[in-house]
Amino acid sequence: MRTTDEPDRPTTWSTVPTVFVVRPACPFCGCERYVAVRSMATESDGSKTLRCVCRRCSGRFLVVTEPGEREEFSDDVPENGKTSTSTS
């Protein structure tokens, strides 16, 4: 249910805001090209840890991803502005 305090939300994909996510870079040389050699088990808080090796300098580092709800992709923006996920 929409309240009067909420701003109007876009109803088509051509008018939705764009969000850019920066890809992790090697902490040693700054290169964004790396290989995830192993994905560690999900932690109790829902985060995941990737063991990575840089393709340029062979530096080893960890990438931790924060937990989040995985969204299903659709061509239409629902009226309430949210997408639903399948639970099958």
PDB file of N, CA and C in Angstrom:
ATOM      1  N   MET A   1       0.825  -1.177   0.000  1.00  0.00           N
ATOM      2  CA  MET A   1       0.000   0.000   0.000  1.00  0.00           C
ATOM      3  C   MET A   1       0.873   1.246   0.000  1.00  0.00           C
ATOM      4  N   ARG A   2       0.591   2.169  -0.849  1.00  0.00           N
ATOM      5  CA  ARG A   2       1.379   3.392  -0.979  1.00  0.00           C
ATOM      6  C   ARG A   2       0.807   4.477  -0.068  1.00  0.00           C
ATOM      7  N   THR A   3       1.716   5.147   0.641  1.00  0.00           N
ATOM      8  CA  THR A   3       1.288   6.258   1.488  1.00  0.00           C
ATOM      9  C   THR A   3       1.582   7.566   0.762  1.00  0.00           C
ATOM     10  N   THR A   4       1.042   8.653   1.255  1.00  0.00           N
ATOM     11  CA  THR A   4       1.264   9.953   0.613  1.00  0.00           C
ATOM     12  C   THR A   4       2.682  10.462   0.815  1.00  0.00           C
ATOM     13  N   ASP A   5       3.435   9.887   1.770  1.00  0.00           N
ATOM     14  CA  ASP A   5       4.808  10.320   2.027  1.00  0.00           C
ATOM     15  C   ASP A   5       5.803   9.736   1.035  1.00  0.00           C
ATOM     16  N   GLU A   6       5.406   8.682   0.338  1.00  0.00           N
ATOM     17  CA  GLU A   6       6.321   8.029  -0.594  1.00  0.00           C
ATOM     18  C   GLU A   6       6.371   8.784  -1.915  1.00  0.00           C
ATOM     19  N   PRO A   7       7.594   8.919  -2.493  1.00  0.00           N
ATOM     20  CA  PRO A   7       7.701   9.569  -3.802  1.00  0.00           C
ATOM     21  C   PRO A   7       7.161   8.648  -4.895  1.00  0.00           C
ATOM     22  N   ASP A   8       6.795   9.224  -6.034  1.00  0.00           N
ATOM     23  CA  ASP A   8       6.353   8.412  -7.167  1.00  0.00           C
ATOM     24  C   ASP A   8       7.527   7.585  -7.655  1.00  0.00           C
ATOM     25  N   ARG A   9       7.248   6.332  -7.982  1.00  0.00           N
ATOM     26  CA  ARG A   9       8.294   5.438  -8.477  1.00  0.00           C
ATOM     27  C   ARG A   9       8.141   5.269  -9.972  1.00  0.00           C
ATOM     28  N   PRO A  10       9.271   5.061 -10.686  1.00  0.00           N
ATOM     29  CA  PRO A  10       9.201   4.848 -12.127  1.00  0.00           C
ATOM     30  C   PRO A  10       8.388   3.598 -12.448  1.00  0.00           C
ATOM     31  N   THR A  11       7.721   3.611 -13.591  1.00  0.00           N
ATOM     32  CA  THR A  11       6.906   2.463 -13.982  1.00  0.00           C
ATOM     33  C   THR A  11       7.431   1.759 -15.220  1.00  0.00           C
ATOM     34  N   THR A  12       8.481   2.279 -15.848  1.00  0.00           N
ATOM     35  CA  THR A  12       9.090   1.604 -16.992  1.00  0.00           C
ATOM     36  C   THR A  12      10.600   1.525 -16.783  1.00  0.00           C
ATOM     37  N   TRP A  13      11.232   0.571 -17.438  1.00  0.00           N
ATOM     38  CA  TRP A  13      12.683   0.405 -17.277  1.00  0.00           C
ATOM     39  C   TRP A  13      13.458   1.584 -17.836  1.00  0.00           C
ATOM     40  N   SER A  14      12.895   2.337 -18.762  1.00  0.00           N
ATOM     41  CA  SER A  14      13.616   3.474 -19.331  1.00  0.00           C
ATOM     42  C   SER A  14      13.713   4.643 -18.354  1.00  0.00           C
ATOM     43  N   THR A  15      12.917   4.622 -17.266  1.00  0.00           N
ATOM     44  CA  THR A  15      12.930   5.741 -16.320  1.00  0.00           C
ATOM     45  C   THR A  15      13.438   5.369 -14.930  1.00  0.00           C
ATOM     46  N   VAL A  16      13.882   4.128 -14.723  1.00  0.00           N
ATOM     47  CA  VAL A  16      14.362   3.725 -13.402  1.00  0.00           C
ATOM     48  C   VAL A  16      15.781   4.247 -13.169  1.00  0.00           C
ATOM     49  N   PRO A  17      16.176   4.469 -11.917  1.00  0.00           N
ATOM     50  CA  PRO A  17      17.544   4.912 -11.621  1.00  0.00           C
ATOM     51  C   PRO A  17      18.559   3.817 -11.945  1.00  0.00           C
ATOM     52  N   THR A  18      19.766   4.228 -12.280  1.00  0.00           N
ATOM     53  CA  THR A  18      20.849   3.296 -12.561  1.00  0.00           C
ATOM     54  C   THR A  18      21.769   3.235 -11.352  1.00  0.00           C
ATOM     55  N   VAL A  19      22.149   2.011 -10.937  1.00  0.00           N
ATOM     56  CA  VAL A  19      23.053   1.811  -9.814  1.00  0.00           C
ATOM     57  C   VAL A  19      24.293   1.090 -10.341  1.00  0.00           C
ATOM     58  N   PHE A  20      25.454   1.660 -10.102  1.00  0.00           N
ATOM     59  CA  PHE A  20      26.699   1.049 -10.539  1.00  0.00           C
ATOM     60  C   PHE A  20      27.392   0.412  -9.346  1.00  0.00           C
ATOM     61  N   VAL A  21      27.859  -0.813  -9.517  1.00  0.00           N
ATOM     62  CA  VAL A  21      28.585  -1.525  -8.481  1.00  0.00           C
ATOM     63  C   VAL A  21      30.013  -1.695  -8.973  1.00  0.00           C
ATOM     64  N   VAL A  22      30.959  -1.269  -8.161  1.00  0.00           N
ATOM     65  CA  VAL A  22      32.368  -1.355  -8.545  1.00  0.00           C
ATOM     66  C   VAL A  22      32.861  -2.775  -8.324  1.00  0.00           C
ATOM     67  N   ARG A  23      33.503  -3.320  -9.338  1.00  0.00           N
ATOM     68  CA  ARG A  23      34.081  -4.651  -9.210  1.00  0.00           C
ATOM     69  C   ARG A  23      35.314  -4.563  -8.315  1.00  0.00           C
ATOM     70  N   PRO A  24      35.491  -5.534  -7.428  1.00  0.00           N
ATOM     71  CA  PRO A  24      36.680  -5.517  -6.566  1.00  0.00           C
ATOM     72  C   PRO A  24      37.968  -5.541  -7.397  1.00  0.00           C
ATOM     73  N   ALA A  25      38.994  -4.903  -6.882  1.00  0.00           N
ATOM     74  CA  ALA A  25      40.287  -4.855  -7.551  1.00  0.00           C
ATOM     75  C   ALA A  25      41.358  -5.442  -6.639  1.00  0.00           C
ATOM     76  N   CYS A  26      42.438  -5.884  -7.238  1.00  0.00           N
ATOM     77  CA  CYS A  26      43.561  -6.431  -6.482  1.00  0.00           C
ATOM     78  C   CYS A  26      44.108  -5.350  -5.548  1.00  0.00           C
ATOM     79  N   PRO A  27      44.270  -5.643  -4.265  1.00  0.00           N
ATOM     80  CA  PRO A  27      44.786  -4.636  -3.328  1.00  0.00           C
ATOM     81  C   PRO A  27      46.270  -4.342  -3.531  1.00  0.00           C
ATOM     82  N   PHE A  28      46.969  -5.159  -4.317  1.00  0.00           N
ATOM     83  CA  PHE A  28      48.406  -4.978  -4.530  1.00  0.00           C
ATOM     84  C   PHE A  28      48.717  -4.130  -5.758  1.00  0.00           C
ATOM     85  N   CYS A  29      47.996  -4.390  -6.880  1.00  0.00           N
ATOM     86  CA  CYS A  29      48.313  -3.666  -8.115  1.00  0.00           C
ATOM     87  C   CYS A  29      47.119  -2.910  -8.705  1.00  0.00           C
ATOM     88  N   GLY A  30      45.918  -3.108  -8.158  1.00  0.00           N
ATOM     89  CA  GLY A  30      44.742  -2.395  -8.638  1.00  0.00           C
ATOM     90  C   GLY A  30      44.056  -3.010  -9.842  1.00  0.00           C
ATOM     91  N   CYS A  31      44.552  -4.114 -10.337  1.00  0.00           N
ATOM     92  CA  CYS A  31      43.962  -4.782 -11.497  1.00  0.00           C
ATOM     93  C   CYS A  31      42.598  -5.374 -11.134  1.00  0.00           C
ATOM     94  N   GLU A  32      41.634  -5.251 -12.047  1.00  0.00           N
ATOM     95  CA  GLU A  32      40.308  -5.804 -11.816  1.00  0.00           C
ATOM     96  C   GLU A  32      40.141  -7.200 -12.413  1.00  0.00           C
ATOM     97  N   ARG A  33      41.199  -7.732 -12.990  1.00  0.00           N
ATOM     98  CA  ARG A  33      41.141  -9.074 -13.579  1.00  0.00           C
ATOM     99  C   ARG A  33      41.718 -10.072 -12.587  1.00  0.00           C
ATOM    100  N   TYR A  34      40.859 -10.903 -12.049  1.00  0.00           N
ATOM    101  CA  TYR A  34      41.300 -11.918 -11.099  1.00  0.00           C
ATOM    102  C   TYR A  34      40.494 -13.187 -11.308  1.00  0.00           C
ATOM    103  N   VAL A  35      40.997 -14.261 -10.724  1.00  0.00           N
ATOM    104  CA  VAL A  35      40.318 -15.546 -10.793  1.00  0.00           C
ATOM    105  C   VAL A  35      39.881 -15.916  -9.385  1.00  0.00           C
ATOM    106  N   ALA A  36      38.610 -16.242  -9.238  1.00  0.00           N
ATOM    107  CA  ALA A  36      38.121 -16.747  -7.953  1.00  0.00           C
ATOM    108  C   ALA A  36      38.425 -18.237  -7.945  1.00  0.00           C
ATOM    109  N   VAL A  37      39.417 -18.632  -7.159  1.00  0.00           N
ATOM    110  CA  VAL A  37      39.855 -20.025  -7.166  1.00  0.00           C
ATOM    111  C   VAL A  37      39.034 -20.906  -6.235  1.00  0.00           C
ATOM    112  N   ARG A  38      38.343 -20.285  -5.287  1.00  0.00           N
ATOM    113  CA  ARG A  38      37.514 -21.077  -4.390  1.00  0.00           C
ATOM    114  C   ARG A  38      36.479 -20.193  -3.725  1.00  0.00           C
ATOM    115  N   SER A  39      35.277 -20.712  -3.624  1.00  0.00           N
ATOM    116  CA  SER A  39      34.208 -20.020  -2.913  1.00  0.00           C
ATOM    117  C   SER A  39      34.043 -20.708  -1.574  1.00  0.00           C
ATOM    118  N   MET A  40      34.227 -19.942  -0.499  1.00  0.00           N
ATOM    119  CA  MET A  40      34.125 -20.506   0.844  1.00  0.00           C
ATOM    120  C   MET A  40      32.652 -20.645   1.224  1.00  0.00           C
ATOM    121  N   ALA A  41      32.384 -21.422   2.228  1.00  0.00           N
ATOM    122  CA  ALA A  41      31.026 -21.639   2.704  1.00  0.00           C
ATOM    123  C   ALA A  41      30.402 -20.327   3.160  1.00  0.00           C
ATOM    124  N   THR A  42      29.096 -20.264   3.068  1.00  0.00           N
ATOM    125  CA  THR A  42      28.373 -19.090   3.535  1.00  0.00           C
ATOM    126  C   THR A  42      28.496 -18.983   5.045  1.00  0.00           C
ATOM    127  N   GLU A  43      28.796 -17.790   5.522  1.00  0.00           N
ATOM    128  CA  GLU A  43      28.939 -17.548   6.954  1.00  0.00           C
ATOM    129  C   GLU A  43      27.564 -17.454   7.603  1.00  0.00           C
ATOM    130  N   SER A  44      27.525 -17.421   8.925  1.00  0.00           N
ATOM    131  CA  SER A  44      26.256 -17.378   9.650  1.00  0.00           C
ATOM    132  C   SER A  44      25.466 -16.096   9.365  1.00  0.00           C
ATOM    133  N   ASP A  45      26.158 -15.013   8.963  1.00  0.00           N
ATOM    134  CA  ASP A  45      25.458 -13.765   8.657  1.00  0.00           C
ATOM    135  C   ASP A  45      25.005 -13.705   7.201  1.00  0.00           C
ATOM    136  N   GLY A  46      25.263 -14.765   6.422  1.00  0.00           N
ATOM    137  CA  GLY A  46      24.844 -14.815   5.022  1.00  0.00           C
ATOM    138  C   GLY A  46      25.899 -14.356   4.038  1.00  0.00           C
ATOM    139  N   SER A  47      27.047 -13.863   4.526  1.00  0.00           N
ATOM    140  CA  SER A  47      28.098 -13.410   3.617  1.00  0.00           C
ATOM    141  C   SER A  47      28.855 -14.612   3.042  1.00  0.00           C
ATOM    142  N   LYS A  48      29.485 -14.399   1.873  1.00  0.00           N
ATOM    143  CA  LYS A  48      30.301 -15.435   1.244  1.00  0.00           C
ATOM    144  C   LYS A  48      31.706 -14.889   1.043  1.00  0.00           C
ATOM    145  N   THR A  49      32.693 -15.763   1.109  1.00  0.00           N
ATOM    146  CA  THR A  49      34.079 -15.370   0.931  1.00  0.00           C
ATOM    147  C   THR A  49      34.653 -16.074  -0.286  1.00  0.00           C
ATOM    148  N   LEU A  50      35.286 -15.307  -1.174  1.00  0.00           N
ATOM    149  CA  LEU A  50      35.947 -15.865  -2.356  1.00  0.00           C
ATOM    150  C   LEU A  50      37.453 -15.733  -2.191  1.00  0.00           C
ATOM    151  N   ARG A  51      38.180 -16.790  -2.453  1.00  0.00           N
ATOM    152  CA  ARG A  51      39.650 -16.722  -2.495  1.00  0.00           C
ATOM    153  C   ARG A  51      40.023 -16.392  -3.929  1.00  0.00           C
ATOM    154  N   CYS A  52      40.762 -15.291  -4.112  1.00  0.00           N
ATOM    155  CA  CYS A  52      41.054 -14.802  -5.459  1.00  0.00           C
ATOM    156  C   CYS A  52      42.551 -14.675  -5.696  1.00  0.00           C
ATOM    157  N   VAL A  53      42.940 -14.800  -6.978  1.00  0.00           N
ATOM    158  CA  VAL A  53      44.324 -14.610  -7.408  1.00  0.00           C
ATOM    159  C   VAL A  53      44.305 -13.626  -8.573  1.00  0.00           C
ATOM    160  N   CYS A  54      45.114 -12.560  -8.454  1.00  0.00           N
ATOM    161  CA  CYS A  54      45.203 -11.541  -9.487  1.00  0.00           C
ATOM    162  C   CYS A  54      45.879 -12.110 -10.733  1.00  0.00           C
ATOM    163  N   ARG A  55      45.340 -11.799 -11.908  1.00  0.00           N
ATOM    164  CA  ARG A  55      45.934 -12.288 -13.164  1.00  0.00           C
ATOM    165  C   ARG A  55      47.191 -11.515 -13.544  1.00  0.00           C
ATOM    166  N   ARG A  56      47.347 -10.282 -13.041  1.00  0.00           N
ATOM    167  CA  ARG A  56      48.522  -9.480 -13.395  1.00  0.00           C
ATOM    168  C   ARG A  56      49.710  -9.781 -12.493  1.00  0.00           C
ATOM    169  N   CYS A  57      49.518  -9.683 -11.148  1.00  0.00           N
ATOM    170  CA  CYS A  57      50.664  -9.788 -10.234  1.00  0.00           C
ATOM    171  C   CYS A  57      50.664 -11.075  -9.409  1.00  0.00           C
ATOM    172  N   SER A  58      49.652 -11.922  -9.575  1.00  0.00           N
ATOM    173  CA  SER A  58      49.504 -13.180  -8.839  1.00  0.00           C
ATOM    174  C   SER A  58      49.292 -12.981  -7.342  1.00  0.00           C
ATOM    175  N   GLY A  59      48.913 -11.751  -6.946  1.00  0.00           N
ATOM    176  CA  GLY A  59      48.606 -11.496  -5.539  1.00  0.00           C
ATOM    177  C   GLY A  59      47.367 -12.265  -5.106  1.00  0.00           C
ATOM    178  N   ARG A  60      47.373 -12.730  -3.881  1.00  0.00           N
ATOM    179  CA  ARG A  60      46.236 -13.465  -3.335  1.00  0.00           C
ATOM    180  C   ARG A  60      45.469 -12.575  -2.378  1.00  0.00           C
ATOM    181  N   PHE A  61      44.129 -12.614  -2.478  1.00  0.00           N
ATOM    182  CA  PHE A  61      43.289 -11.799  -1.601  1.00  0.00           C
ATOM    183  C   PHE A  61      41.908 -12.421  -1.480  1.00  0.00           C
ATOM    184  N   LEU A  62      41.164 -11.961  -0.480  1.00  0.00           N
ATOM    185  CA  LEU A  62      39.812 -12.446  -0.230  1.00  0.00           C
ATOM    186  C   LEU A  62      38.804 -11.382  -0.626  1.00  0.00           C
ATOM    187  N   VAL A  63      37.690 -11.813  -1.208  1.00  0.00           N
ATOM    188  CA  VAL A  63      36.572 -10.924  -1.505  1.00  0.00           C
ATOM    189  C   VAL A  63      35.386 -11.443  -0.708  1.00  0.00           C
ATOM    190  N   VAL A  64      34.817 -10.582   0.134  1.00  0.00           N
ATOM    191  CA  VAL A  64      33.662 -10.956   0.952  1.00  0.00           C
ATOM    192  C   VAL A  64      32.430 -10.268   0.384  1.00  0.00           C
ATOM    193  N   THR A  65      31.418 -11.055   0.056  1.00  0.00           N
ATOM    194  CA  THR A  65      30.171 -10.490  -0.446  1.00  0.00           C
ATOM    195  C   THR A  65      29.156 -10.444   0.679  1.00  0.00           C
ATOM    196  N   GLU A  66      28.463  -9.328   0.795  1.00  0.00           N
ATOM    197  CA  GLU A  66      27.459  -9.177   1.834  1.00  0.00           C
ATOM    198  C   GLU A  66      26.193  -9.927   1.439  1.00  0.00           C
ATOM    199  N   PRO A  67      25.432 -10.355   2.441  1.00  0.00           N
ATOM    200  CA  PRO A  67      24.196 -11.063   2.133  1.00  0.00           C
ATOM    201  C   PRO A  67      23.189 -10.118   1.495  1.00  0.00           C
ATOM    202  N   GLY A  68      22.338 -10.682   0.669  1.00  0.00           N
ATOM    203  CA  GLY A  68      21.301  -9.888   0.024  1.00  0.00           C
ATOM    204  C   GLY A  68      20.306 -10.803  -0.642  1.00  0.00           C
ATOM    205  N   GLU A  69      19.147 -10.283  -0.871  1.00  0.00           N
ATOM    206  CA  GLU A  69      18.108 -11.073  -1.513  1.00  0.00           C
ATOM    207  C   GLU A  69      18.362 -11.089  -3.007  1.00  0.00           C
ATOM    208  N   ARG A  70      18.385 -12.266  -3.584  1.00  0.00           N
ATOM    209  CA  ARG A  70      18.582 -12.402  -5.025  1.00  0.00           C
ATOM    210  C   ARG A  70      17.260 -12.130  -5.715  1.00  0.00           C
ATOM    211  N   GLU A  71      17.281 -11.221  -6.663  1.00  0.00           N
ATOM    212  CA  GLU A  71      16.057 -10.820  -7.347  1.00  0.00           C
ATOM    213  C   GLU A  71      15.899 -11.597  -8.646  1.00  0.00           C
ATOM    214  N   GLU A  72      14.674 -11.918  -8.980  1.00  0.00           N
ATOM    215  CA  GLU A  72      14.349 -12.482 -10.282  1.00  0.00           C
ATOM    216  C   GLU A  72      14.236 -11.308 -11.250  1.00  0.00           C
ATOM    217  N   PHE A  73      14.669 -11.490 -12.494  1.00  0.00           N
ATOM    218  CA  PHE A  73      14.616 -10.415 -13.457  1.00  0.00           C
ATOM    219  C   PHE A  73      13.370 -10.519 -14.317  1.00  0.00           C
ATOM    220  N   SER A  74      12.792  -9.371 -14.617  1.00  0.00           N
ATOM    221  CA  SER A  74      11.571  -9.291 -15.395  1.00  0.00           C
ATOM    222  C   SER A  74      11.662  -8.077 -16.302  1.00  0.00           C
ATOM    223  N   ASP A  75      10.881  -8.066 -17.382  1.00  0.00           N
ATOM    224  CA  ASP A  75      10.867  -6.929 -18.296  1.00  0.00           C
ATOM    225  C   ASP A  75       9.998  -5.786 -17.797  1.00  0.00           C
ATOM    226  N   ASP A  76       9.128  -6.047 -16.841  1.00  0.00           N
ATOM    227  CA  ASP A  76       8.198  -5.033 -16.363  1.00  0.00           C
ATOM    228  C   ASP A  76       8.506  -4.647 -14.923  1.00  0.00           C
ATOM    229  N   VAL A  77       8.243  -3.394 -14.590  1.00  0.00           N
ATOM    230  CA  VAL A  77       8.367  -2.933 -13.219  1.00  0.00           C
ATOM    231  C   VAL A  77       6.986  -3.050 -12.592  1.00  0.00           C
ATOM    232  N   PRO A  78       6.845  -3.813 -11.510  1.00  0.00           N
ATOM    233  CA  PRO A  78       5.535  -3.935 -10.872  1.00  0.00           C
ATOM    234  C   PRO A  78       5.036  -2.592 -10.362  1.00  0.00           C
ATOM    235  N   GLU A  79       3.749  -2.490 -10.177  1.00  0.00           N
ATOM    236  CA  GLU A  79       3.123  -1.248  -9.728  1.00  0.00           C
ATOM    237  C   GLU A  79       3.700  -0.762  -8.408  1.00  0.00           C
ATOM    238  N   ASN A  80       4.035  -1.688  -7.492  1.00  0.00           N
ATOM    239  CA  ASN A  80       4.566  -1.275  -6.191  1.00  0.00           C
ATOM    240  C   ASN A  80       6.075  -1.024  -6.228  1.00  0.00           C
ATOM    241  N   GLY A  81       6.719  -1.208  -7.386  1.00  0.00           N
ATOM    242  CA  GLY A  81       8.142  -0.932  -7.518  1.00  0.00           C
ATOM    243  C   GLY A  81       9.066  -2.027  -7.044  1.00  0.00           C
ATOM    244  N   LYS A  82       8.509  -3.135  -6.559  1.00  0.00           N
ATOM    245  CA  LYS A  82       9.304  -4.240  -6.060  1.00  0.00           C
ATOM    246  C   LYS A  82       9.084  -5.456  -6.933  1.00  0.00           C
ATOM    247  N   THR A  83      10.130  -6.298  -7.020  1.00  0.00           N
ATOM    248  CA  THR A  83       9.990  -7.559  -7.733  1.00  0.00           C
ATOM    249  C   THR A  83       9.787  -8.672  -6.731  1.00  0.00           C
ATOM    250  N   SER A  84       9.131  -9.707  -7.135  1.00  0.00           N
ATOM    251  CA  SER A  84       8.937 -10.850  -6.232  1.00  0.00           C
ATOM    252  C   SER A  84       9.872 -11.959  -6.651  1.00  0.00           C
ATOM    253  N   THR A  85      10.238 -12.807  -5.720  1.00  0.00           N
ATOM    254  CA  THR A  85      11.111 -13.936  -6.015  1.00  0.00           C
ATOM    255  C   THR A  85      10.312 -15.210  -5.959  1.00  0.00           C
ATOM    256  N   SER A  86      10.745 -16.165  -6.732  1.00  0.00           N
ATOM    257  CA  SER A  86      10.072 -17.458  -6.790  1.00  0.00           C
ATOM    258  C   SER A  86      10.547 -18.317  -5.631  1.00  0.00           C
ATOM    259  N   THR A  87       9.625 -19.047  -4.999  1.00  0.00           N
ATOM    260  CA  THR A  87       9.993 -19.903  -3.867  1.00  0.00           C
ATOM    261  C   THR A  87       9.830 -21.364  -4.208  1.00  0.00           C
ATOM    262  N   SER A  88       9.860 -21.700  -5.501  1.00  0.00           N
ATOM    263  CA  SER A  88       9.665 -23.105  -5.879  1.00  0.00           C
ATOM    264  C   SER A  88      10.911 -23.915  -5.753  1.00  0.00           C
TER     265      SER A  88
END
